[in-house]
């Protein structure tokens, strides 16, 4: 099993270097032993070709968050739907996945996880395959603190709780590979705080949306770390903890997915 150079970072202050297989790195993050592992999986020239193979998917105008363009309708947009909005938005999400996934499964990104983790797409009974992953473009920004505001990710955190079929709050791990970073080396901040429910997460959003400074003051009561992945690094992290993408001074490109354990590794976005 191939081992790759790694850096280990955690909100408790741990910093280590070494090497690990992708499987071992995922297991350690998923078990809660470590918050973040940066793993060098390709050199910058090679990783640029990973994005090139994704261009055929089309940056088709989906907006996961103001300004961020993705190659499919990602789960977050579906999870923000109300009960009234859910049927239409759910249809859009699964139609998007049915178009993007067949091409996505041909990419080096998906083949990497298929080879290293034996991943399979997440399937919801009665709806079909969830989106496997997405390429994301973060445009240059100047008047904001975060290009993607602080948030937490959970497959169970849907506002349309009655309609959304997944009720279990799984342990969830995220991973993204950096294709190119912004000129200011924008990374992300992670806080040692994991909301336990959608309601608790929305309580934070209410504070943050009313006054960003108050929202950050709330988060800053917890330990935090800054993580700055370089081009060619795979960032594996505990996405249940609050995290936000720092302001990007120029275009930043990544490809990423979420992972849970359900009869083996399942991949979705």
C-alpha atoms as a PDB file:
ATOM      1  CA  UNK A   1       0.000   0.000   0.000  1.00  0.00           C
ATOM      2  CA  UNK A   2       1.463   3.349  -1.086  1.00  0.00           C
ATOM      3  CA  UNK A   3       2.494   5.764   1.650  1.00  0.00           C
ATOM      4  CA  UNK A   4       2.595   9.516   1.093  1.00  0.00           C
ATOM      5  CA  UNK A   5       4.299  12.335   3.034  1.00  0.00           C
ATOM      6  CA  UNK A   6       1.940  13.833   5.618  1.00  0.00           C
ATOM      7  CA  UNK A   7       1.601  16.705   8.059  1.00  0.00           C
ATOM      8  CA  UNK A   8      -0.658  16.242  11.090  1.00  0.00           C
ATOM      9  CA  UNK A   9      -2.463  19.205  12.663  1.00  0.00           C
ATOM     10  CA  UNK A  10      -5.007  19.303  15.486  1.00  0.00           C
ATOM     11  CA  UNK A  11      -6.809  21.973  17.458  1.00  0.00           C
ATOM     12  CA  UNK A  12      -5.064  20.703  20.616  1.00  0.00           C
ATOM     13  CA  UNK A  13      -1.781  22.040  19.210  1.00  0.00           C
ATOM     14  CA  UNK A  14      -0.269  18.832  17.868  1.00  0.00           C
ATOM     15  CA  UNK A  15       2.021  19.187  14.841  1.00  0.00           C
ATOM     16  CA  UNK A  16       3.732  16.130  13.374  1.00  0.00           C
ATOM     17  CA  UNK A  17       5.211  14.966  10.078  1.00  0.00           C
ATOM     18  CA  UNK A  18       5.650  11.482   8.691  1.00  0.00           C
ATOM     19  CA  UNK A  19       4.126   9.215   6.071  1.00  0.00           C
ATOM     20  CA  UNK A  20       0.941   7.181   5.825  1.00  0.00           C
ATOM     21  CA  UNK A  21      -1.314   5.379   3.417  1.00  0.00           C
ATOM     22  CA  UNK A  22      -4.549   7.089   2.415  1.00  0.00           C
ATOM     23  CA  UNK A  23      -6.507   4.392   4.254  1.00  0.00           C
ATOM     24  CA  UNK A  24      -4.570   4.874   7.501  1.00  0.00           C
ATOM     25  CA  UNK A  25      -4.863   8.663   7.284  1.00  0.00           C
ATOM     26  CA  UNK A  26      -8.637   8.484   6.784  1.00  0.00           C
ATOM     27  CA  UNK A  27      -8.993   6.016   9.648  1.00  0.00           C
ATOM     28  CA  UNK A  28      -7.131   8.309  12.048  1.00  0.00           C
ATOM     29  CA  UNK A  29      -9.165  11.396  11.162  1.00  0.00           C
ATOM     30  CA  UNK A  30     -12.434   9.461  11.106  1.00  0.00           C
ATOM     31  CA  UNK A  31     -11.724   8.022  14.563  1.00  0.00           C
ATOM     32  CA  UNK A  32     -11.313  11.541  15.975  1.00  0.00           C
ATOM     33  CA  UNK A  33      -7.643  10.993  16.773  1.00  0.00           C
ATOM     34  CA  UNK A  34      -6.536  13.870  14.517  1.00  0.00           C
ATOM     35  CA  UNK A  35      -8.353  16.900  13.110  1.00  0.00           C
ATOM     36  CA  UNK A  36      -6.429  17.426   9.862  1.00  0.00           C
ATOM     37  CA  UNK A  37      -3.922  15.515   7.743  1.00  0.00           C
ATOM     38  CA  UNK A  38      -2.219  17.166   4.762  1.00  0.00           C
ATOM     39  CA  UNK A  39      -0.949  14.520   2.351  1.00  0.00           C
ATOM     40  CA  UNK A  40       1.215  15.209  -0.705  1.00  0.00           C
ATOM     41  CA  UNK A  41      -0.293  13.054  -3.474  1.00  0.00           C
ATOM     42  CA  UNK A  42       0.987  14.769  -6.620  1.00  0.00           C
ATOM     43  CA  UNK A  43       3.336  17.525  -7.771  1.00  0.00           C
ATOM     44  CA  UNK A  44       1.778  20.843  -8.909  1.00  0.00           C
ATOM     45  CA  UNK A  45       2.107  20.057 -12.623  1.00  0.00           C
ATOM     46  CA  UNK A  46       0.497  16.636 -12.246  1.00  0.00           C
ATOM     47  CA  UNK A  47      -2.341  17.918 -10.073  1.00  0.00           C
ATOM     48  CA  UNK A  48      -3.140  20.601 -12.656  1.00  0.00           C
ATOM     49  CA  UNK A  49      -4.050  17.800 -15.060  1.00  0.00           C
ATOM     50  CA  UNK A  50      -6.622  16.501 -12.537  1.00  0.00           C
ATOM     51  CA  UNK A  51      -8.519  19.758 -13.019  1.00  0.00           C
ATOM     52  CA  UNK A  52      -8.102  19.558 -16.766  1.00  0.00           C
ATOM     53  CA  UNK A  53      -9.946  16.245 -16.864  1.00  0.00           C
ATOM     54  CA  UNK A  54     -12.775  17.860 -14.912  1.00  0.00           C
ATOM     55  CA  UNK A  55     -13.355  20.677 -17.384  1.00  0.00           C
ATOM     56  CA  UNK A  56     -15.605  18.380 -19.401  1.00  0.00           C
ATOM     57  CA  UNK A  57     -17.992  18.317 -16.425  1.00  0.00           C
ATOM     58  CA  UNK A  58     -18.701  21.975 -17.043  1.00  0.00           C
ATOM     59  CA  UNK A  59     -18.672  24.783 -14.493  1.00  0.00           C
ATOM     60  CA  UNK A  60     -22.406  25.014 -14.940  1.00  0.00           C
ATOM     61  CA  UNK A  61     -23.348  27.863 -12.666  1.00  0.00           C
ATOM     62  CA  UNK A  62     -24.329  26.054  -9.475  1.00  0.00           C
ATOM     63  CA  UNK A  63     -23.740  28.291  -6.475  1.00  0.00           C
ATOM     64  CA  UNK A  64     -23.019  26.395  -3.268  1.00  0.00           C
ATOM     65  CA  UNK A  65     -22.311  29.648  -1.454  1.00  0.00           C
ATOM     66  CA  UNK A  66     -22.286  33.240  -2.774  1.00  0.00           C
ATOM     67  CA  UNK A  67     -19.530  33.472  -5.374  1.00  0.00           C
ATOM     68  CA  UNK A  68     -18.418  29.815  -5.296  1.00  0.00           C
ATOM     69  CA  UNK A  69     -19.055  27.895  -8.507  1.00  0.00           C
ATOM     70  CA  UNK A  70     -19.258  24.093  -8.480  1.00  0.00           C
ATOM     71  CA  UNK A  71     -19.494  21.329 -11.090  1.00  0.00           C
ATOM     72  CA  UNK A  72     -22.809  20.047  -9.772  1.00  0.00           C
ATOM     73  CA  UNK A  73     -25.485  20.951  -7.256  1.00  0.00           C
ATOM     74  CA  UNK A  74     -23.856  20.049  -3.957  1.00  0.00           C
ATOM     75  CA  UNK A  75     -25.573  18.688  -0.865  1.00  0.00           C
ATOM     76  CA  UNK A  76     -25.396  21.927   1.101  1.00  0.00           C
ATOM     77  CA  UNK A  77     -27.803  23.672  -1.242  1.00  0.00           C
ATOM     78  CA  UNK A  78     -30.286  20.808  -0.886  1.00  0.00           C
ATOM     79  CA  UNK A  79     -29.900  20.773   2.901  1.00  0.00           C
ATOM     80  CA  UNK A  80     -30.769  24.474   3.121  1.00  0.00           C
ATOM     81  CA  UNK A  81     -34.168  23.835   1.480  1.00  0.00           C
ATOM     82  CA  UNK A  82     -37.332  24.197   3.541  1.00  0.00           C
ATOM     83  CA  UNK A  83     -39.990  21.473   3.543  1.00  0.00           C
ATOM     84  CA  UNK A  84     -41.856  23.433   0.866  1.00  0.00           C
ATOM     85  CA  UNK A  85     -38.736  23.838  -1.291  1.00  0.00           C
ATOM     86  CA  UNK A  86     -37.469  20.295  -0.797  1.00  0.00           C
ATOM     87  CA  UNK A  87     -39.311  18.379  -3.569  1.00  0.00           C
ATOM     88  CA  UNK A  88     -38.156  20.713  -6.341  1.00  0.00           C
ATOM     89  CA  UNK A  89     -34.625  21.120  -5.032  1.00  0.00           C
ATOM     90  CA  UNK A  90     -34.240  17.393  -4.356  1.00  0.00           C
ATOM     91  CA  UNK A  91     -35.198  16.688  -7.954  1.00  0.00           C
ATOM     92  CA  UNK A  92     -32.618  19.206  -9.138  1.00  0.00           C
ATOM     93  CA  UNK A  93     -29.902  17.692  -6.922  1.00  0.00           C
ATOM     94  CA  UNK A  94     -30.403  14.106  -8.070  1.00  0.00           C
ATOM     95  CA  UNK A  95     -30.750  15.134 -11.739  1.00  0.00           C
ATOM     96  CA  UNK A  96     -27.468  17.005 -11.399  1.00  0.00           C
ATOM     97  CA  UNK A  97     -25.808  13.935  -9.873  1.00  0.00           C
ATOM     98  CA  UNK A  98     -27.098  11.702 -12.664  1.00  0.00           C
ATOM     99  CA  UNK A  99     -25.435  13.977 -15.236  1.00  0.00           C
ATOM    100  CA  UNK A 100     -22.152  14.668 -13.425  1.00  0.00           C
ATOM    101  CA  UNK A 101     -21.391  11.274 -11.835  1.00  0.00           C
ATOM    102  CA  UNK A 102     -20.833   9.179 -14.978  1.00  0.00           C
ATOM    103  CA  UNK A 103     -18.136  11.610 -16.113  1.00  0.00           C
ATOM    104  CA  UNK A 104     -16.783  12.144 -12.608  1.00  0.00           C
ATOM    105  CA  UNK A 105     -16.164   8.413 -12.228  1.00  0.00           C
ATOM    106  CA  UNK A 106     -13.752   8.585 -15.179  1.00  0.00           C
ATOM    107  CA  UNK A 107     -11.528  11.219 -13.565  1.00  0.00           C
ATOM    108  CA  UNK A 108      -8.180  10.697 -11.851  1.00  0.00           C
ATOM    109  CA  UNK A 109      -9.682  12.162  -8.675  1.00  0.00           C
ATOM    110  CA  UNK A 110     -12.317   9.440  -8.369  1.00  0.00           C
ATOM    111  CA  UNK A 111      -9.943   6.686  -9.536  1.00  0.00           C
ATOM    112  CA  UNK A 112      -7.525   7.762  -6.785  1.00  0.00           C
ATOM    113  CA  UNK A 113     -10.128   7.173  -4.058  1.00  0.00           C
ATOM    114  CA  UNK A 114     -11.429   4.035  -5.726  1.00  0.00           C
ATOM    115  CA  UNK A 115      -7.886   2.650  -5.684  1.00  0.00           C
ATOM    116  CA  UNK A 116      -6.861   3.859  -2.220  1.00  0.00           C
ATOM    117  CA  UNK A 117     -10.133   3.495  -0.259  1.00  0.00           C
ATOM    118  CA  UNK A 118     -12.309   1.234  -2.419  1.00  0.00           C
ATOM    119  CA  UNK A 119     -15.009   3.920  -2.245  1.00  0.00           C
ATOM    120  CA  UNK A 120     -18.516   3.534  -3.601  1.00  0.00           C
ATOM    121  CA  UNK A 121     -21.033   6.297  -4.335  1.00  0.00           C
ATOM    122  CA  UNK A 122     -23.624   6.982  -1.647  1.00  0.00           C
ATOM    123  CA  UNK A 123     -27.079   5.847  -2.781  1.00  0.00           C
ATOM    124  CA  UNK A 124     -30.406   6.913  -1.255  1.00  0.00           C
ATOM    125  CA  UNK A 125     -33.242   4.449  -1.742  1.00  0.00           C
ATOM    126  CA  UNK A 126     -35.888   5.843  -4.027  1.00  0.00           C
ATOM    127  CA  UNK A 127     -33.725   8.758  -5.164  1.00  0.00           C
ATOM    128  CA  UNK A 128     -30.510   7.340  -6.613  1.00  0.00           C
ATOM    129  CA  UNK A 129     -26.840   8.206  -6.368  1.00  0.00           C
ATOM    130  CA  UNK A 130     -25.779  11.296  -4.493  1.00  0.00           C
ATOM    131  CA  UNK A 131     -23.277  13.597  -6.180  1.00  0.00           C
ATOM    132  CA  UNK A 132     -19.810  12.000  -5.915  1.00  0.00           C
ATOM    133  CA  UNK A 133     -17.785  15.185  -5.610  1.00  0.00           C
ATOM    134  CA  UNK A 134     -17.300  18.601  -7.155  1.00  0.00           C
ATOM    135  CA  UNK A 135     -14.677  20.903  -8.504  1.00  0.00           C
ATOM    136  CA  UNK A 136     -14.923  24.320  -6.887  1.00  0.00           C
ATOM    137  CA  UNK A 137     -13.774  27.762  -7.924  1.00  0.00           C
ATOM    138  CA  UNK A 138     -13.365  30.505  -5.326  1.00  0.00           C
ATOM    139  CA  UNK A 139     -13.027  33.881  -7.079  1.00  0.00           C
ATOM    140  CA  UNK A 140     -10.878  36.771  -5.919  1.00  0.00           C
ATOM    141  CA  UNK A 141     -12.446  38.699  -3.028  1.00  0.00           C
ATOM    142  CA  UNK A 142     -11.447  41.882  -1.239  1.00  0.00           C
ATOM    143  CA  UNK A 143     -14.082  43.029   1.246  1.00  0.00           C
ATOM    144  CA  UNK A 144     -14.845  39.862   3.211  1.00  0.00           C
ATOM    145  CA  UNK A 145     -13.042  37.859   5.880  1.00  0.00           C
ATOM    146  CA  UNK A 146     -14.007  34.465   4.491  1.00  0.00           C
ATOM    147  CA  UNK A 147     -14.560  33.289   0.926  1.00  0.00           C
ATOM    148  CA  UNK A 148     -16.685  30.545   2.469  1.00  0.00           C
ATOM    149  CA  UNK A 149     -18.155  31.498   5.838  1.00  0.00           C
ATOM    150  CA  UNK A 150     -17.667  29.251   8.899  1.00  0.00           C
ATOM    151  CA  UNK A 151     -19.871  26.161   8.759  1.00  0.00           C
ATOM    152  CA  UNK A 152     -20.139  22.508   9.761  1.00  0.00           C
ATOM    153  CA  UNK A 153     -20.976  19.573   7.477  1.00  0.00           C
ATOM    154  CA  UNK A 154     -23.173  16.591   8.300  1.00  0.00           C
ATOM    155  CA  UNK A 155     -25.148  14.377   5.947  1.00  0.00           C
ATOM    156  CA  UNK A 156     -27.995  14.479   8.502  1.00  0.00           C
ATOM    157  CA  UNK A 157     -28.247  18.289   8.809  1.00  0.00           C
ATOM    158  CA  UNK A 158     -31.198  19.061   6.525  1.00  0.00           C
ATOM    159  CA  UNK A 159     -33.686  21.793   7.337  1.00  0.00           C
ATOM    160  CA  UNK A 160     -36.417  19.706   5.695  1.00  0.00           C
ATOM    161  CA  UNK A 161     -36.038  17.118   8.438  1.00  0.00           C
ATOM    162  CA  UNK A 162     -39.331  15.384   7.711  1.00  0.00           C
ATOM    163  CA  UNK A 163     -38.455  14.856   4.047  1.00  0.00           C
ATOM    164  CA  UNK A 164     -34.733  14.120   4.304  1.00  0.00           C
ATOM    165  CA  UNK A 165     -34.290  10.334   4.696  1.00  0.00           C
ATOM    166  CA  UNK A 166     -31.009  10.318   6.637  1.00  0.00           C
ATOM    167  CA  UNK A 167     -31.573  10.859  10.351  1.00  0.00           C
ATOM    168  CA  UNK A 168     -28.346   9.359  11.737  1.00  0.00           C
ATOM    169  CA  UNK A 169     -25.624  11.900  12.567  1.00  0.00           C
ATOM    170  CA  UNK A 170     -22.727   9.906  11.153  1.00  0.00           C
ATOM    171  CA  UNK A 171     -19.085  10.499  11.849  1.00  0.00           C
ATOM    172  CA  UNK A 172     -18.139  12.328   8.668  1.00  0.00           C
ATOM    173  CA  UNK A 173     -14.794  13.091   7.070  1.00  0.00           C
ATOM    174  CA  UNK A 174     -14.097  15.476   4.201  1.00  0.00           C
ATOM    175  CA  UNK A 175     -11.223  15.608   1.761  1.00  0.00           C
ATOM    176  CA  UNK A 176     -10.217  17.995  -0.976  1.00  0.00           C
ATOM    177  CA  UNK A 177      -7.208  18.284  -3.223  1.00  0.00           C
ATOM    178  CA  UNK A 178      -5.854  21.755  -3.978  1.00  0.00           C
ATOM    179  CA  UNK A 179      -5.296  22.380  -7.683  1.00  0.00           C
ATOM    180  CA  UNK A 180      -4.060  25.913  -7.220  1.00  0.00           C
ATOM    181  CA  UNK A 181      -4.206  28.216  -4.243  1.00  0.00           C
ATOM    182  CA  UNK A 182      -4.887  31.928  -4.159  1.00  0.00           C
ATOM    183  CA  UNK A 183      -1.938  34.317  -4.309  1.00  0.00           C
ATOM    184  CA  UNK A 184      -2.353  35.082  -0.590  1.00  0.00           C
ATOM    185  CA  UNK A 185      -2.096  31.343   0.248  1.00  0.00           C
ATOM    186  CA  UNK A 186      -5.636  31.333   1.612  1.00  0.00           C
ATOM    187  CA  UNK A 187      -6.328  28.293   3.752  1.00  0.00           C
ATOM    188  CA  UNK A 188      -9.044  27.521   6.223  1.00  0.00           C
ATOM    189  CA  UNK A 189      -9.638  28.010   9.926  1.00  0.00           C
ATOM    190  CA  UNK A 190     -10.991  25.159  12.034  1.00  0.00           C
ATOM    191  CA  UNK A 191     -12.494  25.620  15.491  1.00  0.00           C
ATOM    192  CA  UNK A 192     -12.802  22.897  18.123  1.00  0.00           C
ATOM    193  CA  UNK A 193     -16.584  23.104  18.102  1.00  0.00           C
ATOM    194  CA  UNK A 194     -18.993  20.685  16.393  1.00  0.00           C
ATOM    195  CA  UNK A 195     -22.718  21.592  16.428  1.00  0.00           C
ATOM    196  CA  UNK A 196     -24.826  18.606  17.440  1.00  0.00           C
ATOM    197  CA  UNK A 197     -27.853  19.387  15.276  1.00  0.00           C
ATOM    198  CA  UNK A 198     -29.085  21.486  12.371  1.00  0.00           C
ATOM    199  CA  UNK A 199     -30.906  23.694  14.866  1.00  0.00           C
ATOM    200  CA  UNK A 200     -27.704  24.367  16.792  1.00  0.00           C
ATOM    201  CA  UNK A 201     -25.863  25.143  13.554  1.00  0.00           C
ATOM    202  CA  UNK A 202     -28.628  27.528  12.472  1.00  0.00           C
ATOM    203  CA  UNK A 203     -28.397  29.278  15.832  1.00  0.00           C
ATOM    204  CA  UNK A 204     -24.775  30.085  14.993  1.00  0.00           C
ATOM    205  CA  UNK A 205     -25.734  31.271  11.492  1.00  0.00           C
ATOM    206  CA  UNK A 206     -28.279  33.656  13.009  1.00  0.00           C
ATOM    207  CA  UNK A 207     -25.556  35.216  15.167  1.00  0.00           C
ATOM    208  CA  UNK A 208     -23.001  35.343  12.336  1.00  0.00           C
ATOM    209  CA  UNK A 209     -25.409  36.705   9.717  1.00  0.00           C
ATOM    210  CA  UNK A 210     -26.552  39.471  12.060  1.00  0.00           C
ATOM    211  CA  UNK A 211     -22.975  40.461  12.928  1.00  0.00           C
ATOM    212  CA  UNK A 212     -19.953  38.603  11.567  1.00  0.00           C
ATOM    213  CA  UNK A 213     -17.759  39.861  14.405  1.00  0.00           C
ATOM    214  CA  UNK A 214     -20.096  38.442  17.052  1.00  0.00           C
ATOM    215  CA  UNK A 215     -20.200  35.121  15.242  1.00  0.00           C
ATOM    216  CA  UNK A 216     -16.406  34.934  15.139  1.00  0.00           C
ATOM    217  CA  UNK A 217     -16.177  35.952  18.797  1.00  0.00           C
ATOM    218  CA  UNK A 218     -18.483  33.031  19.604  1.00  0.00           C
ATOM    219  CA  UNK A 219     -16.231  30.616  17.681  1.00  0.00           C
ATOM    220  CA  UNK A 220     -13.038  32.078  19.093  1.00  0.00           C
ATOM    221  CA  UNK A 221     -13.972  30.871  22.572  1.00  0.00           C
ATOM    222  CA  UNK A 222     -12.726  27.520  21.244  1.00  0.00           C
ATOM    223  CA  UNK A 223      -9.237  26.418  20.254  1.00  0.00           C
ATOM    224  CA  UNK A 224      -8.556  26.848  16.548  1.00  0.00           C
ATOM    225  CA  UNK A 225      -5.974  26.156  13.868  1.00  0.00           C
ATOM    226  CA  UNK A 226      -5.147  27.574  10.452  1.00  0.00           C
ATOM    227  CA  UNK A 227      -4.461  25.095   7.652  1.00  0.00           C
ATOM    228  CA  UNK A 228      -2.792  26.101   4.376  1.00  0.00           C
ATOM    229  CA  UNK A 229      -2.842  23.260   1.833  1.00  0.00           C
ATOM    230  CA  UNK A 230      -0.506  23.602  -1.136  1.00  0.00           C
ATOM    231  CA  UNK A 231      -1.136  22.549  -4.733  1.00  0.00           C
ATOM    232  CA  UNK A 232      -0.913  18.763  -4.932  1.00  0.00           C
ATOM    233  CA  UNK A 233      -1.869  18.214  -1.286  1.00  0.00           C
ATOM    234  CA  UNK A 234      -4.906  16.220  -0.225  1.00  0.00           C
ATOM    235  CA  UNK A 235      -6.468  17.727   2.896  1.00  0.00           C
ATOM    236  CA  UNK A 236      -8.329  15.134   5.002  1.00  0.00           C
ATOM    237  CA  UNK A 237     -10.236  16.688   7.889  1.00  0.00           C
ATOM    238  CA  UNK A 238     -13.006  16.414  10.457  1.00  0.00           C
ATOM    239  CA  UNK A 239     -15.723  18.403   8.687  1.00  0.00           C
ATOM    240  CA  UNK A 240     -18.115  18.114  11.624  1.00  0.00           C
ATOM    241  CA  UNK A 241     -16.034  20.792  13.353  1.00  0.00           C
ATOM    242  CA  UNK A 242     -16.692  24.390  12.333  1.00  0.00           C
ATOM    243  CA  UNK A 243     -14.424  25.601   9.555  1.00  0.00           C
ATOM    244  CA  UNK A 244     -14.294  28.446   7.053  1.00  0.00           C
ATOM    245  CA  UNK A 245     -12.268  29.245   3.916  1.00  0.00           C
ATOM    246  CA  UNK A 246     -10.168  32.380   4.318  1.00  0.00           C
ATOM    247  CA  UNK A 247     -10.524  35.249   1.862  1.00  0.00           C
ATOM    248  CA  UNK A 248      -8.969  34.379  -1.491  1.00  0.00           C
ATOM    249  CA  UNK A 249      -7.099  37.242  -3.179  1.00  0.00           C
ATOM    250  CA  UNK A 250      -7.134  35.430  -6.527  1.00  0.00           C
ATOM    251  CA  UNK A 251      -8.805  32.373  -8.043  1.00  0.00           C
ATOM    252  CA  UNK A 252      -8.561  29.213  -5.905  1.00  0.00           C
ATOM    253  CA  UNK A 253      -9.465  25.771  -7.289  1.00  0.00           C
ATOM    254  CA  UNK A 254     -10.113  22.553  -5.390  1.00  0.00           C
ATOM    255  CA  UNK A 255     -11.843  19.210  -5.923  1.00  0.00           C
ATOM    256  CA  UNK A 256     -13.530  17.608  -2.906  1.00  0.00           C
ATOM    257  CA  UNK A 257     -16.005  15.168  -1.382  1.00  0.00           C
ATOM    258  CA  UNK A 258     -17.415  13.882   1.900  1.00  0.00           C
ATOM    259  CA  UNK A 259     -17.010  10.359   3.252  1.00  0.00           C
ATOM    260  CA  UNK A 260     -18.850   8.184   5.764  1.00  0.00           C
ATOM    261  CA  UNK A 261     -18.511   4.532   6.761  1.00  0.00           C
ATOM    262  CA  UNK A 262     -21.594   2.545   5.743  1.00  0.00           C
ATOM    263  CA  UNK A 263     -20.620  -0.990   4.705  1.00  0.00           C
ATOM    264  CA  UNK A 264     -17.293   0.424   3.548  1.00  0.00           C
ATOM    265  CA  UNK A 265     -16.378   3.963   2.532  1.00  0.00           C
ATOM    266  CA  UNK A 266     -19.147   5.933   0.812  1.00  0.00           C
ATOM    267  CA  UNK A 267     -18.372   9.107  -1.136  1.00  0.00           C
ATOM    268  CA  UNK A 268     -20.764  12.032  -1.734  1.00  0.00           C
ATOM    269  CA  UNK A 269     -20.993  15.795  -1.997  1.00  0.00           C
END
